[in-house]
């Protein structure tokens, strides 16, 4: 298995969620009645799964290793575009969360912003995924030996194994901070997993 195989499987999961976000976008456009819990769940999915887990492996493993190689200008250009697209996805997701907060704090005009951000995401992710799947992932594997590919694949498995611990350690740390409690564990404990 190549290190891009899990990334492409993750793309299928992201596509499934994007279809659901699109259905909700169409519903909210029609009814003018967004669901707070769904938007929070969608934001959480994009932040935790699509960005931290999936893009995390791309940026912290695949792209990191590609930066050590002599890439063609085309591959370098595409990788730089993908990095910028990840940044855009984070920004738009944050804006969706802000719009949701405004709407549910009584600013009903924020519905337009919620819809605009949802519409952006449902158009953005399919194009981003297609670029990675069809223009980038397969060609860049030629830069790596089988041994290098296996090393990245194993690092990806380790990255995934740590993800749930990162998510909930961060959540607890935020609660501790808001409650005035001292942080019990340093973040370095994840290195031991």
N, C-alpha and C. Protein backbone atom coordinates (compact mmCIF):
# COMPACT_ATOMS: atom_id res chain seq x y z
N UNK A 1 0.85 -1.18 0.00
CA UNK A 1 0.00 0.00 0.00
C UNK A 1 0.90 1.24 0.00
N UNK A 2 0.53 2.21 -0.79
CA UNK A 2 1.26 3.48 -0.84
C UNK A 2 0.75 4.41 0.26
N UNK A 3 1.57 5.37 0.67
CA UNK A 3 1.12 6.30 1.71
C UNK A 3 -0.05 7.19 1.27
N UNK A 4 -0.30 7.26 -0.03
CA UNK A 4 -1.44 8.05 -0.51
C UNK A 4 -2.75 7.27 -0.42
N UNK A 5 -2.67 5.95 -0.26
CA UNK A 5 -3.90 5.14 -0.22
C UNK A 5 -4.82 5.54 0.93
N UNK A 6 -4.32 5.64 2.17
CA UNK A 6 -5.22 6.10 3.25
C UNK A 6 -5.76 7.51 3.00
N UNK A 7 -4.94 8.37 2.39
CA UNK A 7 -5.39 9.74 2.10
C UNK A 7 -6.55 9.72 1.11
N UNK A 8 -6.47 8.85 0.13
CA UNK A 8 -7.55 8.77 -0.87
C UNK A 8 -8.80 8.14 -0.27
N UNK A 9 -8.64 7.20 0.64
CA UNK A 9 -9.80 6.64 1.36
C UNK A 9 -10.46 7.73 2.19
N UNK A 10 -9.64 8.54 2.86
CA UNK A 10 -10.18 9.67 3.64
C UNK A 10 -10.93 10.64 2.75
N UNK A 11 -10.47 10.83 1.53
CA UNK A 11 -11.19 11.70 0.60
C UNK A 11 -12.62 11.22 0.39
N UNK A 12 -12.82 9.92 0.31
CA UNK A 12 -14.17 9.38 0.11
C UNK A 12 -15.05 9.71 1.31
N UNK A 13 -14.50 9.67 2.50
CA UNK A 13 -15.27 10.01 3.71
C UNK A 13 -15.60 11.50 3.71
N UNK A 14 -14.63 12.33 3.35
CA UNK A 14 -14.87 13.77 3.29
C UNK A 14 -15.95 14.08 2.25
N UNK A 15 -15.90 13.41 1.11
CA UNK A 15 -16.92 13.62 0.07
C UNK A 15 -18.31 13.28 0.58
N UNK A 16 -18.42 12.23 1.37
CA UNK A 16 -19.73 11.86 1.93
C UNK A 16 -20.26 12.99 2.82
N UNK A 17 -19.40 13.56 3.66
CA UNK A 17 -19.84 14.65 4.54
C UNK A 17 -20.18 15.90 3.74
N UNK A 18 -19.41 16.17 2.71
CA UNK A 18 -19.69 17.35 1.87
C UNK A 18 -21.06 17.21 1.20
N UNK A 19 -21.44 16.00 0.80
CA UNK A 19 -22.78 15.79 0.24
C UNK A 19 -23.86 16.13 1.27
N UNK A 20 -23.63 15.75 2.50
CA UNK A 20 -24.60 16.05 3.57
C UNK A 20 -24.64 17.56 3.82
N UNK A 21 -23.48 18.20 3.85
CA UNK A 21 -23.45 19.66 4.03
C UNK A 21 -24.21 20.33 2.89
N UNK A 22 -24.07 19.81 1.68
CA UNK A 22 -24.80 20.38 0.55
C UNK A 22 -26.31 20.21 0.72
N UNK A 23 -26.75 19.05 1.18
CA UNK A 23 -28.18 18.84 1.43
C UNK A 23 -28.70 19.83 2.47
N UNK A 24 -27.91 20.04 3.53
CA UNK A 24 -28.31 20.99 4.58
C UNK A 24 -28.29 22.42 4.05
N UNK A 25 -27.31 22.74 3.21
CA UNK A 25 -27.26 24.06 2.58
C UNK A 25 -28.54 24.30 1.79
N UNK A 26 -28.95 23.33 1.00
CA UNK A 26 -30.18 23.46 0.20
C UNK A 26 -31.41 23.59 1.11
N UNK A 27 -31.44 22.81 2.19
CA UNK A 27 -32.55 22.88 3.14
C UNK A 27 -32.61 24.26 3.80
N UNK A 28 -31.46 24.76 4.28
CA UNK A 28 -31.43 26.06 4.98
C UNK A 28 -31.74 27.20 4.02
N UNK A 29 -31.35 27.05 2.75
CA UNK A 29 -31.68 28.06 1.74
C UNK A 29 -33.19 28.13 1.57
N UNK A 30 -33.82 26.96 1.57
CA UNK A 30 -35.27 26.87 1.38
C UNK A 30 -36.04 27.30 2.63
N UNK A 31 -35.64 26.80 3.78
CA UNK A 31 -36.42 27.00 5.00
C UNK A 31 -36.01 28.24 5.79
N UNK A 32 -34.80 28.74 5.53
CA UNK A 32 -34.25 29.88 6.31
C UNK A 32 -34.15 29.53 7.79
N UNK A 33 -33.92 28.25 8.08
CA UNK A 33 -33.90 27.77 9.47
C UNK A 33 -32.71 26.81 9.69
N UNK A 34 -31.51 27.36 9.91
CA UNK A 34 -30.34 26.49 10.11
C UNK A 34 -30.39 25.76 11.44
N UNK A 35 -29.74 24.62 11.48
CA UNK A 35 -29.68 23.80 12.69
C UNK A 35 -28.31 24.00 13.34
N UNK A 36 -28.32 24.54 14.54
CA UNK A 36 -27.07 24.85 15.24
C UNK A 36 -26.21 23.61 15.45
N UNK A 37 -26.82 22.52 15.91
CA UNK A 37 -26.06 21.31 16.19
C UNK A 37 -25.42 20.75 14.92
N UNK A 38 -26.15 20.80 13.80
CA UNK A 38 -25.56 20.29 12.56
C UNK A 38 -24.35 21.14 12.16
N UNK A 39 -24.49 22.45 12.22
CA UNK A 39 -23.37 23.31 11.81
C UNK A 39 -22.17 23.07 12.73
N UNK A 40 -22.42 22.93 14.02
CA UNK A 40 -21.32 22.64 14.94
C UNK A 40 -20.66 21.31 14.61
N UNK A 41 -21.47 20.32 14.26
CA UNK A 41 -20.94 19.00 13.89
C UNK A 41 -20.14 19.08 12.58
N UNK A 42 -20.64 19.84 11.63
CA UNK A 42 -19.93 20.00 10.35
C UNK A 42 -18.60 20.71 10.56
N UNK A 43 -18.60 21.76 11.36
CA UNK A 43 -17.35 22.47 11.66
C UNK A 43 -16.37 21.54 12.36
N UNK A 44 -16.87 20.78 13.33
CA UNK A 44 -16.00 19.83 14.04
C UNK A 44 -15.43 18.79 13.07
N UNK A 45 -16.25 18.26 12.18
CA UNK A 45 -15.78 17.28 11.21
C UNK A 45 -14.68 17.87 10.34
N UNK A 46 -14.93 19.06 9.81
CA UNK A 46 -13.94 19.67 8.91
C UNK A 46 -12.65 19.96 9.67
N UNK A 47 -12.78 20.51 10.87
CA UNK A 47 -11.56 20.83 11.64
C UNK A 47 -10.81 19.59 12.08
N UNK A 48 -11.52 18.62 12.63
CA UNK A 48 -10.84 17.47 13.22
C UNK A 48 -10.46 16.43 12.18
N UNK A 49 -11.40 16.06 11.34
CA UNK A 49 -11.12 14.99 10.38
C UNK A 49 -10.44 15.51 9.12
N UNK A 50 -11.12 16.44 8.42
CA UNK A 50 -10.59 16.91 7.14
C UNK A 50 -9.29 17.68 7.31
N UNK A 51 -9.22 18.54 8.32
CA UNK A 51 -8.04 19.39 8.44
C UNK A 51 -6.96 18.78 9.33
N UNK A 52 -7.25 18.59 10.60
CA UNK A 52 -6.20 18.11 11.51
C UNK A 52 -5.72 16.70 11.17
N UNK A 53 -6.65 15.80 10.90
CA UNK A 53 -6.26 14.42 10.61
C UNK A 53 -5.76 14.27 9.18
N UNK A 54 -6.60 14.60 8.21
CA UNK A 54 -6.26 14.38 6.81
C UNK A 54 -5.19 15.35 6.32
N UNK A 55 -5.47 16.64 6.38
CA UNK A 55 -4.48 17.62 5.94
C UNK A 55 -3.23 17.55 6.82
N UNK A 56 -3.41 17.17 8.07
CA UNK A 56 -2.26 17.00 8.96
C UNK A 56 -1.28 15.99 8.40
N UNK A 57 -1.79 14.86 7.92
CA UNK A 57 -0.90 13.85 7.33
C UNK A 57 -0.29 14.35 6.03
N UNK A 58 -1.08 15.05 5.24
CA UNK A 58 -0.54 15.58 3.98
C UNK A 58 0.61 16.55 4.26
N UNK A 59 0.34 17.52 5.13
CA UNK A 59 1.33 18.57 5.36
C UNK A 59 2.52 18.09 6.20
N UNK A 60 2.24 17.31 7.25
CA UNK A 60 3.29 16.93 8.20
C UNK A 60 4.06 15.68 7.81
N UNK A 61 3.57 14.97 6.81
CA UNK A 61 4.29 13.77 6.37
C UNK A 61 4.61 13.89 4.88
N UNK A 62 3.59 13.81 4.02
CA UNK A 62 3.83 13.78 2.58
C UNK A 62 4.52 15.05 2.08
N UNK A 63 3.96 16.21 2.38
CA UNK A 63 4.55 17.45 1.87
C UNK A 63 5.92 17.70 2.50
N UNK A 64 6.06 17.36 3.76
CA UNK A 64 7.36 17.52 4.44
C UNK A 64 8.43 16.71 3.70
N UNK A 65 8.09 15.47 3.35
CA UNK A 65 9.06 14.62 2.65
C UNK A 65 9.28 15.09 1.21
N UNK A 66 8.23 15.60 0.57
CA UNK A 66 8.39 16.11 -0.80
C UNK A 66 9.29 17.33 -0.84
N UNK A 67 9.27 18.14 0.21
CA UNK A 67 10.13 19.32 0.26
C UNK A 67 11.61 18.95 0.28
N UNK A 68 11.92 17.72 0.62
CA UNK A 68 13.30 17.24 0.63
C UNK A 68 13.75 16.76 -0.76
N UNK A 69 12.81 16.67 -1.69
CA UNK A 69 13.09 16.16 -3.03
C UNK A 69 13.23 17.30 -4.02
N UNK A 70 13.82 17.02 -5.17
CA UNK A 70 13.92 17.99 -6.26
C UNK A 70 12.67 17.85 -7.13
N UNK A 71 11.65 18.57 -6.77
CA UNK A 71 10.37 18.48 -7.47
C UNK A 71 10.43 19.23 -8.80
N UNK A 72 9.62 18.76 -9.75
CA UNK A 72 9.45 19.54 -10.97
C UNK A 72 8.74 20.84 -10.58
N UNK A 73 8.84 21.83 -11.43
CA UNK A 73 8.16 23.10 -11.16
C UNK A 73 6.66 22.90 -11.05
N UNK A 74 6.12 22.00 -11.86
CA UNK A 74 4.68 21.73 -11.84
C UNK A 74 4.25 21.10 -10.51
N UNK A 75 4.99 20.11 -10.04
CA UNK A 75 4.64 19.48 -8.77
C UNK A 75 4.81 20.45 -7.60
N UNK A 76 5.83 21.26 -7.65
CA UNK A 76 6.04 22.28 -6.60
C UNK A 76 4.88 23.27 -6.60
N UNK A 77 4.47 23.70 -7.80
CA UNK A 77 3.36 24.65 -7.92
C UNK A 77 2.08 24.05 -7.35
N UNK A 78 1.79 22.81 -7.70
CA UNK A 78 0.56 22.17 -7.20
C UNK A 78 0.62 22.01 -5.69
N UNK A 79 1.77 21.58 -5.16
CA UNK A 79 1.87 21.42 -3.71
C UNK A 79 1.65 22.76 -3.00
N UNK A 80 2.24 23.83 -3.52
CA UNK A 80 2.03 25.15 -2.92
C UNK A 80 0.55 25.56 -2.98
N UNK A 81 -0.11 25.25 -4.09
CA UNK A 81 -1.55 25.53 -4.21
C UNK A 81 -2.34 24.75 -3.18
N UNK A 82 -2.00 23.48 -3.01
CA UNK A 82 -2.72 22.64 -2.04
C UNK A 82 -2.56 23.18 -0.62
N UNK A 83 -1.36 23.61 -0.29
CA UNK A 83 -1.12 24.20 1.04
C UNK A 83 -1.98 25.44 1.22
N UNK A 84 -2.04 26.28 0.21
CA UNK A 84 -2.86 27.50 0.29
C UNK A 84 -4.35 27.14 0.38
N UNK A 85 -4.76 26.10 -0.31
CA UNK A 85 -6.15 25.66 -0.24
C UNK A 85 -6.49 25.15 1.17
N UNK A 86 -5.55 24.48 1.81
CA UNK A 86 -5.78 24.04 3.20
C UNK A 86 -6.00 25.25 4.10
N UNK A 87 -5.20 26.28 3.90
CA UNK A 87 -5.33 27.52 4.69
C UNK A 87 -6.69 28.15 4.42
N UNK A 88 -7.11 28.17 3.16
CA UNK A 88 -8.42 28.73 2.81
C UNK A 88 -9.54 27.93 3.47
N UNK A 89 -9.45 26.61 3.43
CA UNK A 89 -10.47 25.77 4.08
C UNK A 89 -10.58 26.06 5.56
N UNK A 90 -9.44 26.25 6.23
CA UNK A 90 -9.45 26.59 7.67
C UNK A 90 -10.13 27.94 7.90
N UNK A 91 -9.79 28.91 7.06
CA UNK A 91 -10.35 30.25 7.22
C UNK A 91 -11.87 30.24 7.02
N UNK A 92 -12.34 29.59 5.97
CA UNK A 92 -13.77 29.56 5.68
C UNK A 92 -14.53 28.79 6.77
N UNK A 93 -13.94 27.72 7.27
CA UNK A 93 -14.57 26.96 8.35
C UNK A 93 -14.70 27.83 9.60
N UNK A 94 -13.68 28.60 9.91
CA UNK A 94 -13.74 29.53 11.03
C UNK A 94 -14.81 30.58 10.82
N UNK A 95 -14.94 31.06 9.59
CA UNK A 95 -15.97 32.05 9.28
C UNK A 95 -17.37 31.45 9.39
N UNK A 96 -17.52 30.19 9.02
CA UNK A 96 -18.81 29.51 9.19
C UNK A 96 -19.16 29.44 10.67
N UNK A 97 -18.19 29.09 11.49
CA UNK A 97 -18.46 29.03 12.93
C UNK A 97 -18.83 30.40 13.48
N UNK A 98 -18.14 31.43 13.06
CA UNK A 98 -18.45 32.79 13.49
C UNK A 98 -19.86 33.19 13.07
N UNK A 99 -20.21 32.88 11.82
CA UNK A 99 -21.56 33.20 11.31
C UNK A 99 -22.62 32.47 12.11
N UNK A 100 -22.36 31.21 12.44
CA UNK A 100 -23.29 30.42 13.26
C UNK A 100 -23.48 31.08 14.62
N UNK A 101 -22.37 31.49 15.23
CA UNK A 101 -22.45 32.15 16.54
C UNK A 101 -23.25 33.45 16.47
N UNK A 102 -23.02 34.22 15.42
CA UNK A 102 -23.77 35.48 15.24
C UNK A 102 -25.26 35.19 15.08
N UNK A 103 -25.58 34.23 14.23
CA UNK A 103 -26.98 33.91 13.97
C UNK A 103 -27.70 33.48 15.24
N UNK A 104 -27.07 32.58 15.99
CA UNK A 104 -27.74 32.04 17.17
C UNK A 104 -27.62 32.95 18.40
N UNK A 105 -26.93 34.08 18.23
CA UNK A 105 -26.95 35.10 19.29
C UNK A 105 -27.96 36.19 18.95
N UNK A 106 -28.73 35.97 17.87
CA UNK A 106 -29.81 36.88 17.54
C UNK A 106 -29.62 37.71 16.29
N UNK A 107 -28.48 37.62 15.65
CA UNK A 107 -28.24 38.40 14.44
C UNK A 107 -28.67 37.58 13.22
N UNK A 108 -29.95 37.64 12.93
CA UNK A 108 -30.55 36.78 11.90
C UNK A 108 -30.01 37.05 10.50
N UNK A 109 -29.44 38.23 10.28
CA UNK A 109 -28.85 38.52 8.97
C UNK A 109 -27.62 37.65 8.69
N UNK A 110 -27.07 37.04 9.73
CA UNK A 110 -25.90 36.17 9.57
C UNK A 110 -26.25 34.88 8.83
N UNK A 111 -27.55 34.62 8.62
CA UNK A 111 -27.95 33.45 7.84
C UNK A 111 -27.33 33.50 6.45
N UNK A 112 -27.30 34.68 5.85
CA UNK A 112 -26.70 34.81 4.52
C UNK A 112 -25.23 34.39 4.54
N UNK A 113 -24.53 34.74 5.60
CA UNK A 113 -23.12 34.38 5.73
C UNK A 113 -22.96 32.87 5.95
N UNK A 114 -23.84 32.30 6.76
CA UNK A 114 -23.82 30.84 6.95
C UNK A 114 -23.97 30.15 5.61
N UNK A 115 -24.96 30.57 4.84
CA UNK A 115 -25.21 29.94 3.54
C UNK A 115 -24.05 30.15 2.58
N UNK A 116 -23.48 31.34 2.59
CA UNK A 116 -22.35 31.63 1.71
C UNK A 116 -21.16 30.73 2.04
N UNK A 117 -20.87 30.54 3.31
CA UNK A 117 -19.72 29.71 3.72
C UNK A 117 -19.99 28.23 3.44
N UNK A 118 -21.21 27.77 3.69
CA UNK A 118 -21.54 26.39 3.37
C UNK A 118 -21.43 26.15 1.86
N UNK A 119 -21.94 27.07 1.07
CA UNK A 119 -21.87 26.96 -0.38
C UNK A 119 -20.41 26.91 -0.84
N UNK A 120 -19.58 27.75 -0.24
CA UNK A 120 -18.16 27.75 -0.59
C UNK A 120 -17.56 26.36 -0.33
N UNK A 121 -17.80 25.82 0.86
CA UNK A 121 -17.21 24.54 1.24
C UNK A 121 -17.66 23.40 0.33
N UNK A 122 -18.96 23.38 -0.05
CA UNK A 122 -19.44 22.28 -0.89
C UNK A 122 -18.90 22.38 -2.32
N UNK A 123 -18.49 23.55 -2.73
CA UNK A 123 -17.86 23.70 -4.04
C UNK A 123 -16.35 23.52 -3.97
N UNK A 124 -15.77 23.93 -2.86
CA UNK A 124 -14.33 23.92 -2.67
C UNK A 124 -13.75 22.51 -2.53
N UNK A 125 -14.31 21.71 -1.63
CA UNK A 125 -13.71 20.41 -1.33
C UNK A 125 -13.67 19.44 -2.51
N UNK A 126 -14.73 19.32 -3.32
CA UNK A 126 -14.61 18.40 -4.46
C UNK A 126 -13.49 18.78 -5.43
N UNK A 127 -13.30 20.07 -5.68
CA UNK A 127 -12.22 20.51 -6.58
C UNK A 127 -10.86 20.23 -5.95
N UNK A 128 -10.74 20.50 -4.68
CA UNK A 128 -9.48 20.27 -3.96
C UNK A 128 -9.13 18.78 -3.97
N UNK A 129 -10.10 17.95 -3.69
CA UNK A 129 -9.89 16.50 -3.66
C UNK A 129 -9.52 15.99 -5.05
N UNK A 130 -10.21 16.47 -6.06
CA UNK A 130 -9.91 16.04 -7.42
C UNK A 130 -8.47 16.40 -7.82
N UNK A 131 -8.03 17.59 -7.43
CA UNK A 131 -6.66 18.01 -7.74
C UNK A 131 -5.66 17.06 -7.09
N UNK A 132 -5.90 16.72 -5.83
CA UNK A 132 -4.98 15.83 -5.14
C UNK A 132 -5.01 14.43 -5.76
N UNK A 133 -6.21 13.89 -5.93
CA UNK A 133 -6.35 12.52 -6.44
C UNK A 133 -5.85 12.36 -7.87
N UNK A 134 -6.16 13.29 -8.75
CA UNK A 134 -5.91 13.09 -10.17
C UNK A 134 -4.67 13.79 -10.71
N UNK A 135 -4.22 14.85 -10.03
CA UNK A 135 -3.08 15.59 -10.57
C UNK A 135 -1.82 15.46 -9.72
N UNK A 136 -1.95 15.02 -8.47
CA UNK A 136 -0.79 15.15 -7.59
C UNK A 136 -0.35 13.85 -6.94
N UNK A 137 -1.23 13.15 -6.28
CA UNK A 137 -0.82 12.03 -5.45
C UNK A 137 -0.03 10.95 -6.21
N UNK A 138 -0.60 10.43 -7.29
CA UNK A 138 0.10 9.37 -8.02
C UNK A 138 1.43 9.84 -8.60
N UNK A 139 1.47 10.97 -9.29
CA UNK A 139 2.76 11.38 -9.87
C UNK A 139 3.88 11.59 -8.83
N UNK A 140 3.55 12.11 -7.66
CA UNK A 140 4.63 12.40 -6.70
C UNK A 140 5.16 11.15 -6.00
N UNK A 141 4.46 10.04 -6.11
CA UNK A 141 4.97 8.81 -5.52
C UNK A 141 6.28 8.38 -6.19
N UNK A 142 6.49 8.82 -7.43
CA UNK A 142 7.71 8.44 -8.15
C UNK A 142 8.98 9.03 -7.52
N UNK A 143 8.83 10.02 -6.65
CA UNK A 143 9.98 10.60 -5.96
C UNK A 143 10.50 9.71 -4.83
N UNK A 144 9.71 8.72 -4.44
CA UNK A 144 10.03 7.94 -3.25
C UNK A 144 10.33 6.48 -3.57
N UNK A 145 11.29 5.95 -2.85
CA UNK A 145 11.55 4.51 -2.92
C UNK A 145 10.44 3.79 -2.17
N UNK A 146 10.37 2.48 -2.36
CA UNK A 146 9.39 1.67 -1.64
C UNK A 146 9.62 1.79 -0.13
N UNK A 147 10.86 1.81 0.28
CA UNK A 147 11.19 1.95 1.71
C UNK A 147 10.70 3.29 2.25
N UNK A 148 10.90 4.36 1.50
CA UNK A 148 10.43 5.69 1.94
C UNK A 148 8.90 5.72 2.01
N UNK A 149 8.26 5.09 1.04
CA UNK A 149 6.79 5.04 1.04
C UNK A 149 6.27 4.29 2.26
N UNK A 150 6.88 3.15 2.57
CA UNK A 150 6.47 2.38 3.74
C UNK A 150 6.69 3.16 5.03
N UNK A 151 7.77 3.88 5.12
CA UNK A 151 8.04 4.70 6.30
C UNK A 151 6.95 5.77 6.47
N UNK A 152 6.58 6.43 5.37
CA UNK A 152 5.52 7.45 5.45
C UNK A 152 4.17 6.82 5.81
N UNK A 153 3.89 5.65 5.26
CA UNK A 153 2.65 4.95 5.57
C UNK A 153 2.57 4.64 7.06
N UNK A 154 3.63 4.12 7.61
CA UNK A 154 3.67 3.81 9.04
C UNK A 154 3.58 5.06 9.90
N UNK A 155 4.22 6.13 9.45
CA UNK A 155 4.12 7.40 10.19
C UNK A 155 2.68 7.91 10.16
N UNK A 156 1.98 7.69 9.06
CA UNK A 156 0.58 8.08 8.96
C UNK A 156 -0.29 7.31 9.94
N UNK A 157 -0.02 6.02 10.09
CA UNK A 157 -0.77 5.21 11.07
C UNK A 157 -0.53 5.73 12.49
N UNK A 158 0.71 6.07 12.80
CA UNK A 158 1.03 6.60 14.12
C UNK A 158 0.35 7.96 14.33
N UNK A 159 0.35 8.78 13.28
CA UNK A 159 -0.30 10.09 13.34
C UNK A 159 -1.78 9.92 13.68
N UNK A 160 -2.44 8.98 13.01
CA UNK A 160 -3.86 8.71 13.27
C UNK A 160 -4.09 8.23 14.69
N UNK A 161 -3.21 7.37 15.15
CA UNK A 161 -3.36 6.82 16.49
C UNK A 161 -3.32 7.90 17.57
N UNK A 162 -2.56 8.94 17.32
CA UNK A 162 -2.43 10.03 18.29
C UNK A 162 -3.59 11.04 18.20
N UNK A 163 -4.31 11.05 17.09
CA UNK A 163 -5.28 12.13 16.83
C UNK A 163 -6.37 12.23 17.89
N UNK A 164 -6.97 11.15 18.26
CA UNK A 164 -8.06 11.22 19.23
C UNK A 164 -7.55 11.75 20.56
N UNK A 165 -6.33 11.41 20.91
CA UNK A 165 -5.73 11.89 22.15
C UNK A 165 -5.46 13.39 22.07
N UNK A 166 -5.00 13.87 20.90
CA UNK A 166 -4.79 15.31 20.71
C UNK A 166 -6.10 16.07 20.88
N UNK A 167 -7.14 15.56 20.22
CA UNK A 167 -8.43 16.26 20.23
C UNK A 167 -8.97 16.42 21.65
N UNK A 168 -9.00 15.33 22.39
CA UNK A 168 -9.62 15.40 23.70
C UNK A 168 -8.69 15.96 24.76
N UNK A 169 -7.40 15.85 24.59
CA UNK A 169 -6.48 16.53 25.51
C UNK A 169 -6.63 18.05 25.36
N UNK A 170 -6.77 18.50 24.12
CA UNK A 170 -6.97 19.92 23.86
C UNK A 170 -8.30 20.39 24.48
N UNK A 171 -9.36 19.60 24.30
CA UNK A 171 -10.67 19.95 24.85
C UNK A 171 -10.59 20.08 26.37
N UNK A 172 -9.98 19.09 27.01
CA UNK A 172 -9.87 19.13 28.47
C UNK A 172 -9.00 20.30 28.91
N UNK A 173 -7.91 20.54 28.19
CA UNK A 173 -7.05 21.68 28.50
C UNK A 173 -7.79 23.00 28.42
N UNK A 174 -8.66 23.15 27.43
CA UNK A 174 -9.47 24.37 27.31
C UNK A 174 -10.43 24.50 28.48
N UNK A 175 -11.05 23.39 28.89
CA UNK A 175 -11.95 23.42 30.05
C UNK A 175 -11.18 23.75 31.32
N UNK A 176 -9.99 23.15 31.49
CA UNK A 176 -9.17 23.43 32.67
C UNK A 176 -8.80 24.91 32.73
N UNK A 177 -8.39 25.44 31.58
CA UNK A 177 -7.99 26.85 31.52
C UNK A 177 -9.16 27.77 31.87
N UNK A 178 -10.33 27.51 31.31
CA UNK A 178 -11.52 28.32 31.59
C UNK A 178 -11.96 28.20 33.04
N UNK A 179 -11.67 27.05 33.65
CA UNK A 179 -12.07 26.82 35.04
C UNK A 179 -11.01 27.27 36.03
N UNK A 180 -9.88 27.74 35.53
CA UNK A 180 -8.81 28.19 36.40
C UNK A 180 -8.00 27.05 37.01
N UNK A 181 -8.14 25.86 36.46
CA UNK A 181 -7.39 24.71 36.95
C UNK A 181 -6.02 24.64 36.27
N UNK A 182 -5.04 24.10 36.95
CA UNK A 182 -3.73 23.93 36.28
C UNK A 182 -3.82 22.81 35.24
N UNK A 183 -3.05 22.96 34.18
CA UNK A 183 -2.99 21.89 33.18
C UNK A 183 -2.25 20.72 33.79
N UNK A 184 -2.86 19.55 33.73
CA UNK A 184 -2.30 18.38 34.39
C UNK A 184 -1.17 17.75 33.59
N UNK A 185 -1.34 17.62 32.28
CA UNK A 185 -0.33 16.97 31.45
C UNK A 185 0.23 17.94 30.44
N UNK A 186 1.51 17.78 30.17
CA UNK A 186 2.09 18.56 29.07
C UNK A 186 1.67 17.90 27.77
N UNK A 187 1.83 18.60 26.68
CA UNK A 187 1.46 18.03 25.38
C UNK A 187 2.48 16.99 24.92
N UNK A 188 3.65 16.97 25.54
CA UNK A 188 4.71 16.06 25.09
C UNK A 188 4.38 14.60 25.33
N UNK A 189 3.41 14.30 26.18
CA UNK A 189 3.09 12.89 26.45
C UNK A 189 2.65 12.16 25.20
N UNK A 190 2.11 12.91 24.21
CA UNK A 190 1.68 12.26 22.97
C UNK A 190 2.85 11.63 22.22
N UNK A 191 4.05 12.16 22.45
CA UNK A 191 5.22 11.61 21.78
C UNK A 191 5.48 10.16 22.20
N UNK A 192 4.95 9.76 23.33
CA UNK A 192 5.19 8.41 23.81
C UNK A 192 4.26 7.38 23.19
N UNK A 193 3.19 7.82 22.55
CA UNK A 193 2.25 6.86 21.95
C UNK A 193 2.86 6.19 20.72
